[in-house]
Amino acid sequence: MNSNMPTSLANGQYQLGQLVGRGGMAEVRVALDTRLGRTVAVKIMRSDLANDEIFLSRFRREAHSVAQMNNPNIVNIFDSGEEAITTDDGRTEHLPYLVMEYVKGQTLRDIIKATGPLSQRDASQVMLGVLNALEYSHRMGIIHRDIKPGNIMISEQGVVKVMDFGIARALDDSAATMTQSQGVVGTAQYLSPEQARGETVDMRSDLYSAGCVLYEMLTGKPPFTGDSAVAIAYQHVSEVATPPSAVVPGLPKMWDQICAKAMAKDRQNRYATAAEFKNDILAFMNGGVPVAAAFNPLTDLSNMRARKQAEQTATTAALNPAETAATQAFNPVTGQFEAVQPQASTGLRTRPNNVPPRRRNGARRGSSSHQ
């Protein structure tokens, strides 16, 4: 962060206090809203993001959208803005910031780091809170895109609060995303296969990430780890996670099924909605049989690979129709058009039998192969 961090924002309305969190893209400080006399949290984005017009326009739009949400499991956004500061070399920069509800508590990331795996009951309760937040945001048309333990707060009263809605959307495709490296590996551990492939996301992408979080709460470790974001992303696309019950002896195998369905490679095989995911957890905790009981992750993986191969083949066929598609020719014997498979290309050009060869006048010997 810039060394010239202001002590207040918005003409003194927000008096900045101690630092309570820092990530690759922002830092969070406790602040006093002097106008309303309440404690708030202020997330101040990196100053270089202010030079990114794509980020700024999305930041303003997403902040406005997220501020409309009102749910007990979502951290409220009260205000947003950009604060002008003067850098050490005399330039003026603008710090984008969000003013949020202050939640006194810990992130799920810090809790798991300190205590290891959660009990089945605690993991269920936290996940139900996360899914309540996602059910609401999806109904509002907002996809989080970055569900992970670091974005889930547990208040001192035990209330689950999901934060940073809209931030990942604002960062999508911005120049800052292309150059920023801190924290990418952490986020990659909860990335859906479609995000890893650069495809369009939908609400089921959030449910995959939530499945990764559930897995980590039950086992104390994320489903996939690696030395780089690329290595981890590859596993999300191509490998099935070790079942939680194999990591934690004695853990009911039904958790394997619930996590596997949430983390299906093919999003069509995942829970369709947050409510469906939530109902499966409730069914299991109440002694019932979850829908996930019939899910087979290996079949899902093989089907996904087959579908992707078919899509790739279809794309190749569309790009090279002359080489892959049969042609139609009229057969005078049958009086019908019939399919004629093209001959394999030899790399040599042929001419019809009834066309005599052309004589090239003045052909040069030893002409360059580059001509």
Protein backbone atom coordinates (compact mmCIF):
# COMPACT_ATOMS: atom_id res chain seq x y z
CA MET A 1 0.00 0.00 0.00
CA ASN A 2 1.02 3.58 -0.53
CA SER A 3 3.03 5.05 2.32
CA ASN A 4 0.86 8.17 2.16
CA MET A 5 -2.22 6.40 3.46
CA PRO A 6 -4.76 9.02 4.59
CA THR A 7 -6.04 9.07 8.17
CA SER A 8 -9.61 9.70 7.02
CA LEU A 9 -11.81 9.32 3.94
CA ALA A 10 -14.72 11.24 2.40
CA ASN A 11 -13.84 14.64 3.85
CA GLY A 12 -13.34 13.24 7.32
CA GLN A 13 -16.51 11.16 7.54
CA TYR A 14 -14.56 7.92 8.01
CA GLN A 15 -11.71 8.11 10.55
CA LEU A 16 -9.38 5.21 9.81
CA GLY A 17 -8.17 3.03 12.68
CA GLN A 18 -6.07 -0.10 12.99
CA LEU A 19 -5.31 -2.53 10.19
CA VAL A 20 -7.33 -5.74 10.59
CA GLY A 21 -6.65 -7.52 7.32
CA ARG A 22 -4.49 -7.44 4.22
CA GLY A 23 -4.63 -9.33 0.92
CA GLY A 24 -3.10 -9.15 -2.52
CA MET A 25 -5.63 -6.60 -3.76
CA ALA A 26 -6.57 -4.57 -0.69
CA GLU A 27 -6.24 -3.91 3.02
CA VAL A 28 -9.02 -3.60 5.59
CA ARG A 29 -9.10 -1.12 8.45
CA VAL A 30 -11.52 -0.48 11.27
CA ALA A 31 -12.99 3.02 10.99
CA LEU A 32 -15.41 5.32 12.75
CA ASP A 33 -18.30 6.73 10.75
CA THR A 34 -18.40 10.17 12.37
CA ARG A 35 -21.71 11.07 10.76
CA LEU A 36 -23.62 8.09 12.16
CA GLY A 37 -21.39 7.35 15.13
CA ARG A 38 -20.86 3.68 14.29
CA THR A 39 -17.87 1.42 13.76
CA VAL A 40 -17.39 0.23 10.19
CA ALA A 41 -14.78 -1.68 8.20
CA VAL A 42 -13.15 0.00 5.22
CA LYS A 43 -11.61 -2.06 2.42
CA ILE A 44 -9.09 0.10 0.56
CA MET A 45 -8.04 -1.24 -2.83
CA ARG A 46 -4.52 -0.93 -4.21
CA SER A 47 -3.84 2.52 -5.64
CA ASP A 48 -2.64 1.13 -8.99
CA LEU A 49 -6.16 -0.21 -9.55
CA ALA A 50 -7.34 3.40 -9.86
CA ASN A 51 -5.47 3.60 -13.16
CA ASP A 52 -7.41 0.66 -14.55
CA GLU A 53 -10.55 2.00 -16.19
CA ILE A 54 -12.08 -1.47 -16.63
CA PHE A 55 -11.69 -2.16 -12.93
CA LEU A 56 -12.99 1.26 -11.87
CA SER A 57 -16.16 1.09 -13.96
CA ARG A 58 -16.91 -2.42 -12.75
CA PHE A 59 -16.01 -1.53 -9.17
CA ARG A 60 -18.57 1.29 -9.15
CA ARG A 61 -21.24 -0.85 -10.79
CA GLU A 62 -20.66 -3.89 -8.58
CA ALA A 63 -20.54 -1.79 -5.40
CA HIS A 64 -23.93 -0.35 -6.33
CA SER A 65 -25.38 -3.81 -7.03
CA VAL A 66 -24.01 -5.40 -3.86
CA ALA A 67 -25.21 -2.47 -1.74
CA GLN A 68 -28.77 -3.47 -2.69
CA MET A 69 -28.41 -6.86 -1.00
CA ASN A 70 -29.77 -7.36 2.49
CA ASN A 71 -29.20 -10.77 4.04
CA PRO A 72 -28.06 -11.79 7.55
CA ASN A 73 -25.32 -14.00 6.06
CA ILE A 74 -23.84 -11.30 3.80
CA VAL A 75 -21.58 -8.47 4.98
CA ASN A 76 -23.47 -5.26 4.20
CA ILE A 77 -21.95 -2.57 1.98
CA PHE A 78 -22.75 0.94 3.25
CA ASP A 79 -20.76 3.21 0.95
CA SER A 80 -18.03 3.34 -1.71
CA GLY A 81 -15.80 5.98 -3.22
CA GLU A 82 -12.34 7.01 -4.39
CA GLU A 83 -9.99 9.04 -2.18
CA ALA A 84 -7.40 11.34 -3.80
CA ILE A 85 -3.89 11.05 -2.35
CA THR A 86 -0.53 12.56 -3.28
CA THR A 87 2.30 10.07 -3.88
CA ASP A 88 5.92 10.52 -2.83
CA ASP A 89 6.83 11.75 -6.31
CA GLY A 90 4.06 14.36 -6.32
CA ARG A 91 1.51 12.54 -8.45
CA THR A 92 -2.18 12.36 -7.54
CA GLU A 93 -3.70 8.90 -7.25
CA HIS A 94 -7.15 7.72 -6.27
CA LEU A 95 -7.74 4.94 -3.76
CA PRO A 96 -10.98 3.02 -4.45
CA TYR A 97 -12.63 1.93 -1.19
CA LEU A 98 -15.68 0.15 0.20
CA VAL A 99 -17.30 0.94 3.55
CA MET A 100 -18.70 -2.24 5.05
CA GLU A 101 -20.44 -3.62 8.09
CA TYR A 102 -17.84 -4.31 10.77
CA VAL A 103 -17.94 -7.96 11.86
CA LYS A 104 -16.08 -8.70 15.07
CA GLY A 105 -14.79 -12.23 14.71
CA GLN A 106 -12.45 -14.39 12.64
CA THR A 107 -12.24 -15.59 9.08
CA LEU A 108 -12.87 -19.27 8.48
CA ARG A 109 -9.34 -19.45 7.07
CA ASP A 110 -7.86 -18.33 10.39
CA ILE A 111 -10.08 -20.71 12.36
CA ILE A 112 -9.05 -23.76 10.29
CA LYS A 113 -5.41 -22.69 10.46
CA ALA A 114 -5.59 -22.48 14.26
CA THR A 115 -7.78 -25.49 15.08
CA GLY A 116 -7.63 -27.82 12.08
CA PRO A 117 -10.76 -29.68 10.91
CA LEU A 118 -14.15 -28.58 12.26
CA SER A 119 -16.63 -30.97 13.79
CA GLN A 120 -19.32 -32.29 11.47
CA ARG A 121 -21.90 -30.14 13.23
CA ASP A 122 -19.84 -26.94 13.01
CA ALA A 123 -18.91 -27.58 9.37
CA SER A 124 -22.59 -28.12 8.56
CA GLN A 125 -23.68 -24.93 10.32
CA VAL A 126 -21.04 -22.81 8.57
CA MET A 127 -21.89 -24.30 5.18
CA LEU A 128 -25.62 -23.71 5.71
CA GLY A 129 -24.82 -20.04 6.36
CA VAL A 130 -22.69 -19.80 3.23
CA LEU A 131 -25.40 -21.47 1.16
CA ASN A 132 -28.04 -19.13 2.59
CA ALA A 133 -25.92 -16.21 1.37
CA LEU A 134 -25.46 -17.77 -2.06
CA GLU A 135 -29.12 -18.69 -2.39
CA TYR A 136 -30.01 -15.04 -1.80
CA SER A 137 -27.29 -13.53 -4.01
CA HIS A 138 -28.06 -15.90 -6.88
CA ARG A 139 -31.72 -14.96 -6.66
CA MET A 140 -30.55 -11.34 -6.97
CA GLY A 141 -28.53 -12.27 -10.05
CA ILE A 142 -25.12 -11.87 -8.37
CA ILE A 143 -22.47 -14.60 -8.61
CA HIS A 144 -19.69 -14.31 -6.05
CA ARG A 145 -16.88 -15.96 -8.12
CA ASP A 146 -14.43 -16.17 -5.20
CA ILE A 147 -15.94 -18.27 -2.40
CA LYS A 148 -13.09 -19.32 -0.09
CA PRO A 149 -12.40 -19.51 3.68
CA GLY A 150 -10.72 -16.09 3.62
CA ASN A 151 -14.00 -14.51 2.43
CA ILE A 152 -16.12 -16.14 5.14
CA MET A 153 -16.33 -14.44 8.56
CA ILE A 154 -17.59 -16.08 11.73
CA SER A 155 -18.75 -13.45 14.20
CA GLU A 156 -18.22 -13.72 17.96
CA GLN A 157 -21.89 -14.75 18.16
CA GLY A 158 -21.31 -17.56 15.66
CA VAL A 159 -23.05 -15.87 12.73
CA VAL A 160 -21.66 -16.73 9.28
CA LYS A 161 -20.97 -13.67 7.09
CA VAL A 162 -19.83 -13.93 3.47
CA MET A 163 -17.93 -10.90 2.19
CA ASP A 164 -16.37 -9.53 -1.01
CA PHE A 165 -19.35 -10.00 -3.29
CA GLY A 166 -18.61 -8.11 -6.51
CA ILE A 167 -14.86 -7.74 -5.99
CA ALA A 168 -13.96 -10.74 -8.17
CA ARG A 169 -16.35 -9.53 -10.87
CA ALA A 170 -14.74 -6.10 -10.85
CA LEU A 171 -11.31 -7.69 -11.23
CA ASP A 172 -12.31 -9.95 -14.14
CA ASP A 173 -10.30 -9.13 -17.27
CA SER A 174 -8.79 -6.00 -15.73
CA ALA A 175 -5.13 -5.27 -16.29
CA ALA A 176 -4.57 -5.60 -12.54
CA THR A 177 -5.62 -9.24 -12.67
CA MET A 178 -3.11 -9.96 -15.39
CA THR A 179 -0.19 -8.58 -13.38
CA GLN A 180 -1.15 -9.47 -9.82
CA SER A 181 0.37 -12.64 -8.40
CA GLN A 182 -0.12 -12.50 -4.62
CA GLY A 183 -2.95 -14.66 -3.38
CA VAL A 184 -3.60 -16.37 -6.71
CA VAL A 185 -2.57 -19.80 -5.42
CA GLY A 186 -4.94 -19.43 -2.48
CA THR A 187 -7.85 -18.58 -4.72
CA ALA A 188 -6.92 -21.35 -7.17
CA GLN A 189 -7.57 -23.93 -4.46
CA TYR A 190 -11.31 -23.14 -4.69
CA LEU A 191 -11.55 -22.48 -8.45
CA SER A 192 -14.22 -24.29 -10.46
CA PRO A 193 -13.10 -26.25 -13.55
CA GLU A 194 -14.90 -23.81 -15.85
CA GLN A 195 -13.09 -20.87 -14.26
CA ALA A 196 -9.79 -22.72 -14.68
CA ARG A 197 -10.60 -23.20 -18.38
CA GLY A 198 -11.60 -19.56 -18.80
CA GLU A 199 -15.22 -20.39 -19.56
CA THR A 200 -18.36 -18.51 -18.54
CA VAL A 201 -19.32 -18.91 -14.89
CA ASP A 202 -22.77 -19.33 -13.40
CA MET A 203 -24.17 -19.94 -9.93
CA ARG A 204 -23.02 -23.58 -10.01
CA SER A 205 -19.43 -22.27 -10.11
CA ASP A 206 -20.02 -20.79 -6.65
CA LEU A 207 -21.42 -24.13 -5.48
CA TYR A 208 -18.24 -25.92 -6.63
CA SER A 209 -16.16 -23.47 -4.59
CA ALA A 210 -18.49 -23.99 -1.62
CA GLY A 211 -17.91 -27.74 -1.98
CA CYS A 212 -14.16 -27.11 -1.77
CA VAL A 213 -14.71 -25.08 1.41
CA LEU A 214 -16.85 -27.87 2.93
CA TYR A 215 -14.09 -30.36 2.09
CA GLU A 216 -11.50 -28.19 3.86
CA MET A 217 -13.68 -27.71 6.93
CA LEU A 218 -14.08 -31.49 7.26
CA THR A 219 -10.44 -32.42 6.57
CA GLY A 220 -8.42 -29.35 7.53
CA LYS A 221 -6.92 -29.10 4.04
CA PRO A 222 -8.16 -28.02 0.59
CA PRO A 223 -9.04 -30.75 -1.93
CA PHE A 224 -6.11 -29.91 -4.22
CA THR A 225 -2.69 -28.41 -3.49
CA GLY A 226 0.33 -27.62 -5.64
CA ASP A 227 3.33 -25.39 -6.12
CA SER A 228 1.58 -23.04 -8.55
CA ALA A 229 -1.86 -21.80 -9.48
CA VAL A 230 -1.58 -23.61 -12.83
CA ALA A 231 -0.77 -26.95 -11.14
CA ILE A 232 -3.76 -26.59 -8.82
CA ALA A 233 -6.11 -25.48 -11.62
CA TYR A 234 -5.10 -28.54 -13.66
CA GLN A 235 -6.19 -30.81 -10.81
CA HIS A 236 -9.57 -29.09 -10.57
CA VAL A 237 -10.11 -29.87 -14.25
CA SER A 238 -8.59 -33.36 -14.47
CA GLU A 239 -8.46 -35.12 -11.10
CA VAL A 240 -10.88 -36.41 -8.47
CA ALA A 241 -10.13 -35.30 -4.91
CA THR A 242 -9.19 -37.86 -2.26
CA PRO A 243 -12.44 -38.68 -0.38
CA PRO A 244 -12.69 -36.82 2.97
CA SER A 245 -13.21 -40.13 4.81
CA ALA A 246 -9.83 -41.30 3.51
CA VAL A 247 -8.21 -38.19 4.99
CA VAL A 248 -10.10 -38.31 8.32
CA PRO A 249 -10.63 -41.89 9.54
CA GLY A 250 -14.10 -42.42 10.96
CA LEU A 251 -15.73 -39.58 9.00
CA PRO A 252 -19.02 -40.86 7.49
CA LYS A 253 -18.64 -41.72 3.80
CA MET A 254 -21.78 -39.75 2.98
CA TRP A 255 -19.64 -36.59 3.30
CA ASP A 256 -17.57 -38.02 0.42
CA GLN A 257 -20.71 -38.10 -1.70
CA ILE A 258 -21.92 -34.61 -0.77
CA CYS A 259 -18.51 -33.03 -1.42
CA ALA A 260 -18.10 -34.98 -4.67
CA LYS A 261 -21.47 -33.88 -6.03
CA ALA A 262 -20.82 -30.24 -5.16
CA MET A 263 -17.39 -30.58 -6.81
CA ALA A 264 -18.56 -32.43 -9.94
CA LYS A 265 -16.34 -31.59 -12.93
CA ASP A 266 -19.40 -31.29 -15.15
CA ARG A 267 -21.53 -28.51 -13.72
CA GLN A 268 -24.64 -30.26 -15.04
CA ASN A 269 -23.99 -32.98 -12.45
CA ARG A 270 -23.56 -30.59 -9.51
CA TYR A 271 -26.28 -29.29 -7.25
CA ALA A 272 -28.37 -27.03 -9.47
CA THR A 273 -29.01 -24.49 -6.71
CA ALA A 274 -27.70 -23.51 -3.30
CA ALA A 275 -31.05 -24.63 -1.85
CA GLU A 276 -30.52 -28.13 -3.28
CA PHE A 277 -27.04 -28.31 -1.72
CA LYS A 278 -28.43 -27.05 1.58
CA ASN A 279 -31.25 -29.59 1.57
CA ASP A 280 -28.81 -32.47 1.08
CA ILE A 281 -26.78 -31.40 4.13
CA LEU A 282 -29.95 -31.04 6.21
CA ALA A 283 -31.23 -34.44 5.02
CA PHE A 284 -27.99 -36.15 6.07
CA MET A 285 -27.75 -34.37 9.42
CA ASN A 286 -31.36 -35.36 10.16
CA GLY A 287 -30.81 -39.04 9.36
CA GLY A 288 -32.16 -39.02 5.81
CA VAL A 289 -30.58 -40.07 2.51
CA PRO A 290 -29.13 -37.18 0.47
CA VAL A 291 -29.55 -36.94 -3.30
CA ALA A 292 -25.74 -37.13 -3.50
CA ALA A 293 -25.83 -40.77 -2.33
CA ALA A 294 -26.20 -41.89 -5.95
CA PHE A 295 -23.39 -39.73 -7.32
CA ASN A 296 -20.28 -41.33 -8.85
CA PRO A 297 -17.36 -38.89 -9.22
CA LEU A 298 -15.35 -41.21 -11.53
CA THR A 299 -18.27 -41.50 -13.95
CA ASP A 300 -18.65 -37.71 -13.83
CA LEU A 301 -14.97 -37.23 -14.67
CA SER A 302 -14.98 -39.71 -17.57
CA ASN A 303 -18.22 -38.25 -18.98
CA MET A 304 -16.79 -34.74 -18.72
CA ARG A 305 -13.65 -35.79 -20.58
CA ALA A 306 -15.72 -37.48 -23.29
CA ARG A 307 -17.94 -34.41 -23.68
CA LYS A 308 -14.96 -32.05 -23.92
CA GLN A 309 -13.34 -34.35 -26.51
CA ALA A 310 -16.58 -34.37 -28.53
CA GLU A 311 -16.77 -30.57 -28.36
CA GLN A 312 -13.14 -30.31 -29.49
CA THR A 313 -13.78 -32.71 -32.38
CA ALA A 314 -16.87 -30.77 -33.42
CA THR A 315 -14.91 -27.52 -33.34
CA THR A 316 -12.16 -29.05 -35.48
CA ALA A 317 -14.74 -30.33 -37.94
CA ALA A 318 -16.31 -26.88 -38.18
CA LEU A 319 -12.91 -25.29 -38.85
CA ASN A 320 -11.91 -27.91 -41.45
CA PRO A 321 -15.14 -29.03 -43.12
CA ALA A 322 -13.45 -30.02 -46.37
CA GLU A 323 -11.13 -32.42 -44.57
CA THR A 324 -13.63 -34.01 -42.21
CA ALA A 325 -17.00 -34.02 -43.92
CA ALA A 326 -18.17 -36.32 -46.69
CA THR A 327 -19.05 -34.71 -50.05
CA GLN A 328 -22.14 -35.45 -52.14
CA ALA A 329 -21.83 -36.78 -55.70
CA PHE A 330 -24.50 -37.78 -58.22
CA ASN A 331 -24.55 -41.50 -59.09
CA PRO A 332 -26.04 -42.00 -62.59
CA VAL A 333 -26.63 -45.70 -61.87
CA THR A 334 -28.93 -45.12 -58.89
CA GLY A 335 -30.09 -41.67 -59.95
CA GLN A 336 -29.35 -40.29 -56.41
CA PHE A 337 -26.82 -38.14 -54.64
CA GLU A 338 -24.54 -40.26 -52.47
CA ALA A 339 -21.88 -39.50 -49.86
CA VAL A 340 -18.32 -39.74 -51.11
CA GLN A 341 -15.54 -39.70 -48.51
CA PRO A 342 -12.65 -37.39 -49.47
CA GLN A 343 -9.34 -39.07 -50.22
CA ALA A 344 -6.56 -38.63 -47.71
CA SER A 345 -4.42 -35.66 -48.54
CA THR A 346 -0.92 -36.48 -49.77
CA GLY A 347 0.26 -32.92 -49.76
CA LEU A 348 0.41 -33.01 -53.64
CA ARG A 349 -1.93 -31.07 -55.87
CA THR A 350 -3.72 -33.11 -58.54
CA ARG A 351 -5.41 -32.02 -61.74
CA PRO A 352 -8.41 -33.48 -63.57
CA ASN A 353 -7.55 -36.16 -66.19
CA ASN A 354 -8.94 -34.11 -69.07
CA VAL A 355 -6.78 -31.03 -68.36
CA PRO A 356 -3.35 -31.09 -70.03
CA PRO A 357 -0.35 -29.93 -68.06
CA ARG A 358 0.59 -26.27 -68.38
CA ARG A 359 4.05 -25.44 -69.63
CA ARG A 360 5.66 -22.77 -67.54
CA ASN A 361 7.63 -20.38 -69.66
CA GLY A 362 10.94 -19.21 -68.31
CA ALA A 363 10.87 -21.44 -65.26
CA ARG A 364 14.04 -21.00 -63.25
CA ARG A 365 16.04 -23.91 -61.98
CA GLY A 366 16.98 -24.08 -58.34
CA SER A 367 14.37 -21.53 -57.29
CA SER A 368 14.19 -20.85 -53.58
CA SER A 369 11.81 -22.97 -51.53
CA HIS A 370 10.75 -19.77 -49.72
CA GLN A 371 9.20 -18.29 -52.90
